[in-house]
Amino acid sequence: MLNAIIIGCGDIGIRVGLRLQQQRYQVTAVVRSIESATNLESFAFNTVILDLDQSSATLPSIPSGGLIFYFAPPTEDGEQDLRMKSFLGALKSKSANPVRIVYISTTAVYADSKGAWINEQAAIQPSNLRGKRRLDAEQQLIEFQRQHPVNISILRVSGIYSANRLPFRQIKARQAILQLEIAPYSNRIHADDLAKVCIAAALNTHKPTATFNVSDGNPGSISQYFKEVALTFNLQPPPEISWEDAQKTLSPGMLSYLRESKRIDNRLMKHELGVAISYPTLTLGLKQCAAELKQKQPNTAYRTKINRK
């Protein structure tokens, strides 16, 4: 039987798990809390509650030849991902080895390119702790691979959006955005497309270590994103402010995004993995989000979308 384990089975994990089930995989979902496990009750996953922050964490059985999808976020402090360290420590104790581990990283590991295109050979120089922790996790996986017979796929993912990830709260609160003409480049990927890439990264490559940029290939800006969401859902557009005012009013997290300008090149992802992006533009992606929200079926919507594709 084909087996897959999803570590940190949230929104993306559910989308991946349902697609794997269609390919006759038995899916084990690993979550941190009883609440998260309850959220998965409507899906036919084997669910395991496991806190990787505990030194005694024990992973569920891993059949030889199975797949592991690691979607758990990094720990919140410092430059190291101690959660990844715990996971790999627990994996060492298993007698069987997975055939491949797929890890969702971030494009924040790259240095600011001042708006130039970035491919997988670009300089690695994260400017914030979030990027440094993700890079640390990547390096831990590669070091683990040097000592164990397992393949690694690293996905450097841009901003994820979907019907349940849109910035309605910020827009309704009239949070300001940087003026469109000075807003730096940012990049996005629809959650459905990311799920497709995750599975392709597990099944469509034979490289021992494979790294892919993941984006829709059409960079915009955070300002454009907020304005298009407002337009799509008939909300009042957010006010635009100068960079000087942004430094006085926006959160440190938002300012960290605005201090970098990158355009993510996704050609390797498309050509090597054979992924056809369903939502190559923000307009198409938001149209799908609007249709999904109109259905008002937060759980069954996953299955509906899978069956349509």
Protein backbone atom coordinates (compact mmCIF):
# COMPACT_ATOMS: atom_id res chain seq x y z
CA MET A 1 0.00 0.00 0.00
CA LEU A 2 1.18 3.53 -0.77
CA ASN A 3 1.72 5.62 2.35
CA ALA A 4 2.23 9.30 3.10
CA ILE A 5 2.67 11.17 6.36
CA ILE A 6 1.88 14.89 6.59
CA ILE A 7 3.64 16.61 9.49
CA GLY A 8 1.67 19.74 10.36
CA CYS A 9 -1.55 18.95 8.51
CA GLY A 10 -3.32 22.31 8.25
CA ASP A 11 -4.88 23.93 5.20
CA ILE A 12 -2.15 22.93 2.72
CA GLY A 13 -1.85 19.49 4.30
CA ILE A 14 -5.56 18.82 3.79
CA ARG A 15 -5.34 19.82 0.14
CA VAL A 16 -2.31 17.57 -0.35
CA GLY A 17 -3.86 14.69 1.60
CA LEU A 18 -7.05 14.63 -0.45
CA ARG A 19 -5.11 14.58 -3.68
CA LEU A 20 -2.94 11.75 -2.38
CA GLN A 21 -6.03 9.76 -1.46
CA GLN A 22 -7.19 10.04 -5.06
CA GLN A 23 -3.88 8.41 -6.00
CA ARG A 24 -4.64 5.58 -3.53
CA TYR A 25 -2.31 6.69 -0.77
CA GLN A 26 -3.08 5.97 2.85
CA VAL A 27 -2.59 9.34 4.55
CA THR A 28 -1.49 9.88 8.14
CA ALA A 29 -1.99 13.44 9.39
CA VAL A 30 0.21 14.58 12.27
CA VAL A 31 -1.10 17.58 14.22
CA ARG A 32 -0.14 19.31 17.44
CA SER A 33 -3.44 19.61 19.30
CA ILE A 34 -6.79 17.94 19.95
CA GLU A 35 -8.46 20.96 18.32
CA SER A 36 -6.49 20.42 15.12
CA ALA A 37 -7.33 16.71 15.17
CA THR A 38 -11.03 17.55 15.55
CA ASN A 39 -10.81 19.76 12.45
CA LEU A 40 -9.71 16.71 10.45
CA GLU A 41 -12.56 14.44 11.51
CA SER A 42 -14.46 14.91 8.24
CA PHE A 43 -11.48 13.62 6.23
CA ALA A 44 -10.51 9.96 5.97
CA PHE A 45 -7.01 10.49 7.36
CA ASN A 46 -5.31 8.53 10.11
CA THR A 47 -4.74 11.33 12.62
CA VAL A 48 -1.93 11.41 15.18
CA ILE A 49 -1.47 14.10 17.85
CA LEU A 50 2.22 14.89 18.34
CA ASP A 51 4.01 17.90 19.81
CA LEU A 52 7.45 18.16 18.22
CA ASP A 53 8.45 20.68 20.87
CA GLN A 54 8.55 17.83 23.40
CA SER A 55 11.84 15.94 23.64
CA SER A 56 9.96 12.65 23.97
CA ALA A 57 8.15 13.06 20.63
CA THR A 58 7.73 9.74 18.79
CA LEU A 59 6.74 9.67 15.14
CA PRO A 60 4.08 7.27 13.86
CA SER A 61 5.15 4.18 11.94
CA ILE A 62 6.91 5.02 8.67
CA PRO A 63 6.72 2.21 6.09
CA SER A 64 9.75 1.89 3.82
CA GLY A 65 9.15 3.69 0.55
CA GLY A 66 6.59 6.08 2.03
CA LEU A 67 6.51 9.85 1.63
CA ILE A 68 6.81 12.52 4.29
CA PHE A 69 5.46 16.03 3.76
CA TYR A 70 6.82 18.40 6.41
CA PHE A 71 4.57 21.46 6.72
CA ALA A 72 5.03 22.33 10.39
CA PRO A 73 6.07 25.96 10.95
CA PRO A 74 9.45 26.65 12.54
CA THR A 75 9.82 27.58 16.17
CA GLU A 76 9.22 31.28 16.79
CA ASP A 77 12.47 32.49 18.35
CA GLY A 78 16.11 32.61 17.33
CA GLU A 79 17.80 31.66 14.08
CA GLN A 80 17.38 27.87 14.38
CA ASP A 81 14.33 25.70 13.78
CA LEU A 82 14.35 23.53 16.89
CA ARG A 83 11.12 21.85 15.77
CA MET A 84 12.85 20.48 12.68
CA LYS A 85 15.70 19.30 14.89
CA SER A 86 13.22 17.39 17.05
CA PHE A 87 11.55 15.86 13.99
CA LEU A 88 14.84 14.65 12.49
CA GLY A 89 15.93 13.29 15.86
CA ALA A 90 12.71 11.27 16.07
CA LEU A 91 13.11 10.13 12.46
CA LYS A 92 16.60 8.76 13.21
CA SER A 93 15.08 6.28 15.64
CA LYS A 94 12.91 4.69 12.94
CA SER A 95 14.16 1.51 11.28
CA ALA A 96 12.43 2.31 7.98
CA ASN A 97 13.27 5.30 5.81
CA PRO A 98 10.89 7.34 3.66
CA VAL A 99 11.71 7.57 -0.01
CA ARG A 100 11.43 11.39 0.03
CA ILE A 101 10.77 14.29 2.40
CA VAL A 102 9.03 17.34 0.91
CA TYR A 103 9.64 20.53 2.89
CA ILE A 104 7.87 23.86 2.49
CA SER A 105 10.46 26.61 2.95
CA THR A 106 10.20 30.26 1.89
CA THR A 107 11.56 32.70 -0.68
CA ALA A 108 12.64 34.78 2.33
CA VAL A 109 15.88 32.77 2.31
CA TYR A 110 17.00 34.79 -0.72
CA ALA A 111 18.75 38.12 -0.53
CA ASP A 112 16.89 41.23 -1.67
CA SER A 113 17.28 41.46 -5.46
CA LYS A 114 16.04 45.06 -5.88
CA GLY A 115 13.30 43.78 -8.18
CA ALA A 116 15.46 41.48 -10.31
CA TRP A 117 14.34 37.94 -11.13
CA ILE A 118 15.49 35.22 -8.71
CA ASN A 119 16.08 31.59 -9.69
CA GLU A 120 17.24 28.67 -7.55
CA GLN A 121 20.91 29.65 -7.98
CA ALA A 122 20.44 33.13 -6.50
CA ALA A 123 22.30 34.24 -3.39
CA ILE A 124 21.01 32.80 -0.11
CA GLN A 125 21.05 35.58 2.46
CA PRO A 126 17.90 35.91 4.58
CA SER A 127 17.47 39.36 6.09
CA ASN A 128 15.04 38.43 8.86
CA LEU A 129 14.71 35.75 11.51
CA ARG A 130 11.82 34.07 9.70
CA GLY A 131 14.02 33.44 6.68
CA LYS A 132 16.99 32.41 8.82
CA ARG A 133 14.95 29.75 10.63
CA ARG A 134 13.71 28.35 7.32
CA LEU A 135 17.25 28.26 5.94
CA ASP A 136 18.39 26.47 9.08
CA ALA A 137 15.67 23.85 8.52
CA GLU A 138 16.80 23.37 4.91
CA GLN A 139 20.39 22.87 6.06
CA GLN A 140 19.33 20.39 8.74
CA LEU A 141 17.51 18.32 6.12
CA ILE A 142 20.48 18.30 3.77
CA GLU A 143 22.82 17.27 6.58
CA PHE A 144 20.38 14.50 7.58
CA GLN A 145 20.38 13.26 4.00
CA ARG A 146 24.17 12.92 4.01
CA GLN A 147 23.81 10.28 6.72
CA HIS A 148 20.57 8.55 5.72
CA PRO A 149 19.16 7.07 2.48
CA VAL A 150 16.39 9.60 1.87
CA ASN A 151 15.70 12.12 -0.90
CA ILE A 152 14.79 15.73 -0.17
CA SER A 153 12.59 18.21 -2.04
CA ILE A 154 12.77 21.80 -0.79
CA LEU A 155 10.04 24.18 -1.94
CA ARG A 156 10.85 27.88 -1.57
CA VAL A 157 7.34 29.21 -1.50
CA SER A 158 6.11 32.76 -2.03
CA GLY A 159 3.04 34.26 -0.33
CA ILE A 160 0.17 31.75 -0.13
CA TYR A 161 -3.40 32.86 -0.64
CA SER A 162 -6.77 31.08 -0.73
CA ALA A 163 -10.38 31.72 0.26
CA ASN A 164 -9.55 31.29 3.94
CA ARG A 165 -6.32 33.34 3.87
CA LEU A 166 -7.48 36.68 2.45
CA PRO A 167 -6.76 39.97 4.30
CA PHE A 168 -10.40 40.89 5.00
CA ARG A 169 -9.69 41.96 8.58
CA GLN A 170 -6.94 44.38 7.57
CA ILE A 171 -8.95 45.86 4.70
CA LYS A 172 -12.07 46.33 6.81
CA ALA A 173 -9.95 47.94 9.52
CA ARG A 174 -8.71 50.42 6.89
CA GLN A 175 -5.08 49.36 7.24
CA ALA A 176 -3.02 51.56 4.95
CA ILE A 177 -0.91 50.24 2.08
CA LEU A 178 2.18 51.65 0.43
CA GLN A 179 1.49 53.78 -2.63
CA LEU A 180 1.22 51.54 -5.70
CA GLU A 181 3.91 53.37 -7.66
CA ILE A 182 6.55 52.79 -4.97
CA ALA A 183 5.43 49.38 -3.66
CA PRO A 184 8.15 46.72 -4.11
CA TYR A 185 7.61 43.44 -5.95
CA SER A 186 6.14 40.50 -4.07
CA ASN A 187 5.06 37.05 -5.22
CA ARG A 188 2.12 34.72 -4.64
CA ILE A 189 0.83 31.20 -5.15
CA HIS A 190 -2.73 29.92 -4.75
CA ALA A 191 -3.03 27.18 -2.12
CA ASP A 192 -4.47 24.71 -4.65
CA ASP A 193 -1.49 25.22 -6.94
CA LEU A 194 0.91 24.80 -4.03
CA ALA A 195 -0.72 21.47 -3.15
CA LYS A 196 -0.20 20.29 -6.73
CA VAL A 197 3.46 21.33 -6.59
CA CYS A 198 3.98 19.48 -3.29
CA ILE A 199 2.81 16.20 -4.80
CA ALA A 200 4.79 16.75 -8.00
CA ALA A 201 7.90 17.45 -5.91
CA ALA A 202 7.41 14.09 -4.23
CA LEU A 203 6.68 12.03 -7.35
CA ASN A 204 8.05 13.79 -10.43
CA THR A 205 11.73 14.19 -9.64
CA HIS A 206 14.51 11.67 -9.08
CA LYS A 207 17.17 14.08 -7.82
CA PRO A 208 18.50 13.22 -4.35
CA THR A 209 18.17 16.90 -3.42
CA ALA A 210 15.76 19.02 -5.44
CA THR A 211 15.04 22.70 -4.76
CA PHE A 212 12.26 24.62 -6.49
CA ASN A 213 10.93 28.15 -6.36
CA VAL A 214 7.15 28.12 -6.06
CA SER A 215 5.10 31.07 -7.32
CA ASP A 216 2.48 31.78 -9.96
CA GLY A 217 5.13 33.50 -12.08
CA ASN A 218 3.36 36.87 -12.16
CA PRO A 219 4.83 39.12 -9.46
CA GLY A 220 2.81 42.05 -8.18
CA SER A 221 3.01 43.93 -4.89
CA ILE A 222 1.33 43.66 -1.51
CA SER A 223 -0.42 46.94 -2.28
CA GLN A 224 -1.82 45.54 -5.52
CA TYR A 225 -2.89 42.38 -3.67
CA PHE A 226 -4.87 44.32 -1.04
CA LYS A 227 -6.51 46.52 -3.68
CA GLU A 228 -7.54 43.58 -5.85
CA VAL A 229 -9.01 41.73 -2.87
CA ALA A 230 -11.00 44.84 -1.96
CA LEU A 231 -12.23 45.20 -5.55
CA THR A 232 -13.18 41.53 -5.91
CA PHE A 233 -15.23 41.52 -2.71
CA ASN A 234 -16.73 45.00 -3.03
CA LEU A 235 -14.84 46.44 -0.07
CA GLN A 236 -13.63 50.00 0.26
CA PRO A 237 -10.07 50.14 -1.08
CA PRO A 238 -7.38 50.72 1.54
CA PRO A 239 -5.77 54.16 1.81
CA GLU A 240 -2.34 54.59 0.24
CA ILE A 241 0.53 56.20 2.15
CA SER A 242 4.12 57.25 1.51
CA TRP A 243 7.17 55.29 2.65
CA GLU A 244 7.81 57.90 5.33
CA ASP A 245 4.32 57.43 6.77
CA ALA A 246 4.53 53.64 6.37
CA GLN A 247 7.54 53.54 8.69
CA LYS A 248 5.51 55.35 11.33
CA THR A 249 2.30 53.34 11.09
CA LEU A 250 2.83 49.83 9.70
CA SER A 251 3.84 46.81 11.77
CA PRO A 252 7.46 45.61 11.89
CA GLY A 253 6.40 42.44 10.10
CA MET A 254 4.83 44.32 7.20
CA LEU A 255 7.78 46.70 6.97
CA SER A 256 10.16 43.74 6.70
CA TYR A 257 8.27 42.61 3.58
CA LEU A 258 8.28 46.10 2.11
CA ARG A 259 12.04 46.49 2.51
CA GLU A 260 12.67 43.79 -0.10
CA SER A 261 11.76 43.57 -3.77
CA LYS A 262 11.99 40.19 -5.52
CA ARG A 263 10.57 38.59 -8.62
CA ILE A 264 10.53 34.82 -8.26
CA ASP A 265 11.36 32.74 -11.33
CA ASN A 266 9.22 29.56 -11.37
CA ARG A 267 10.42 28.07 -14.67
CA LEU A 268 12.28 25.15 -13.08
CA MET A 269 9.16 24.18 -11.12
CA LYS A 270 7.03 24.16 -14.27
CA HIS A 271 9.51 22.46 -16.58
CA GLU A 272 11.05 19.83 -14.30
CA LEU A 273 7.96 18.97 -12.27
CA GLY A 274 5.50 19.37 -15.12
CA VAL A 275 3.12 21.47 -13.04
CA ALA A 276 0.45 23.43 -14.90
CA ILE A 277 -0.56 26.38 -12.73
CA SER A 278 -4.35 26.64 -12.44
CA TYR A 279 -4.27 30.27 -11.23
CA PRO A 280 -1.38 32.03 -12.99
CA THR A 281 -2.80 35.48 -12.19
CA LEU A 282 -4.18 37.02 -9.04
CA THR A 283 -7.40 37.88 -10.85
CA LEU A 284 -8.09 34.22 -11.67
CA GLY A 285 -7.15 33.12 -8.15
CA LEU A 286 -9.41 35.65 -6.46
CA LYS A 287 -12.27 34.70 -8.77
CA GLN A 288 -11.93 31.12 -7.53
CA CYS A 289 -11.80 32.34 -3.91
CA ALA A 290 -15.01 34.30 -4.40
CA ALA A 291 -16.77 31.28 -5.90
CA GLU A 292 -15.63 29.08 -3.01
CA LEU A 293 -16.78 31.53 -0.36
CA LYS A 294 -20.13 31.84 -2.11
CA GLN A 295 -20.65 28.11 -1.63
CA LYS A 296 -20.23 28.55 2.16
CA GLN A 297 -19.08 24.97 2.61
CA PRO A 298 -15.74 25.27 4.45
CA ASN A 299 -15.14 21.53 4.84
CA THR A 300 -16.72 19.98 1.75
CA ALA A 301 -15.22 22.73 -0.42
CA TYR A 302 -11.90 20.86 -0.41
CA ARG A 303 -13.48 17.73 -1.91
CA THR A 304 -15.53 19.75 -4.39
CA LYS A 305 -12.42 21.48 -5.71
CA ILE A 306 -10.44 18.26 -5.95
CA ASN A 307 -13.19 16.54 -7.92
CA ARG A 308 -13.43 19.41 -10.41
CA LYS A 309 -9.76 19.19 -11.41
